[in-house]
Amino acid sequence: MSFTAQLTEDIKTAMKAKDTLALNVVRGLKSAIKYAAIEKLGAEGELADADALAVVRKEIKKRQDSVASYESANRQDLAEIEKAEIAVLEKYLPAAMSAEDLVKLVEAVIAEVGATSKKEMGAVMKVLQERAAGRADGKTLSSEVTKRLA
């Protein structure tokens, strides 16, 4: 089942369950994916699953930023809503990579690229992003690479 078909099914399920939070989040996600597809491929295009996952990550990142700003403004009520939306979105991400698998992957890519300094971090990150395939966020990958190349 394609990613967009899964979203359509989840919208139907949320409607039947009268789960307004999940319904609004999934509708918003489907809309964001459609906008990304139009931007990248034109009106009739459909994003590949990897590109759709990138949109999911972007939506999660937006909400994480909102949580941080709401918490700094002492608005726990709004922060809790954003956290609930993040939980709904995280269902669409692949299982996260374990810490030891992440370290192994970073070390393998650094050895493969032959990186020895932070100047080569960009080349390492490019390969890592492809290999991690959405199982680790860029911030985590970047911090591991920085530790290894310091």
Foldseek 3Di string as FASTA:
>chain_A
DFPLVVLVVQLVVCVVVVPVLLNVLSVVLSVQQQVVQCVPPNNPGHDHLLVSLVSLVVLLVVLVVVLVVCVVVVNVVSNVSSVVSSVSSCVSFPAADDPVRLLVLLVVLCVVVVDQAPVCVVVSLVVVCVVRSRNDDSVVSSVSNNVVND
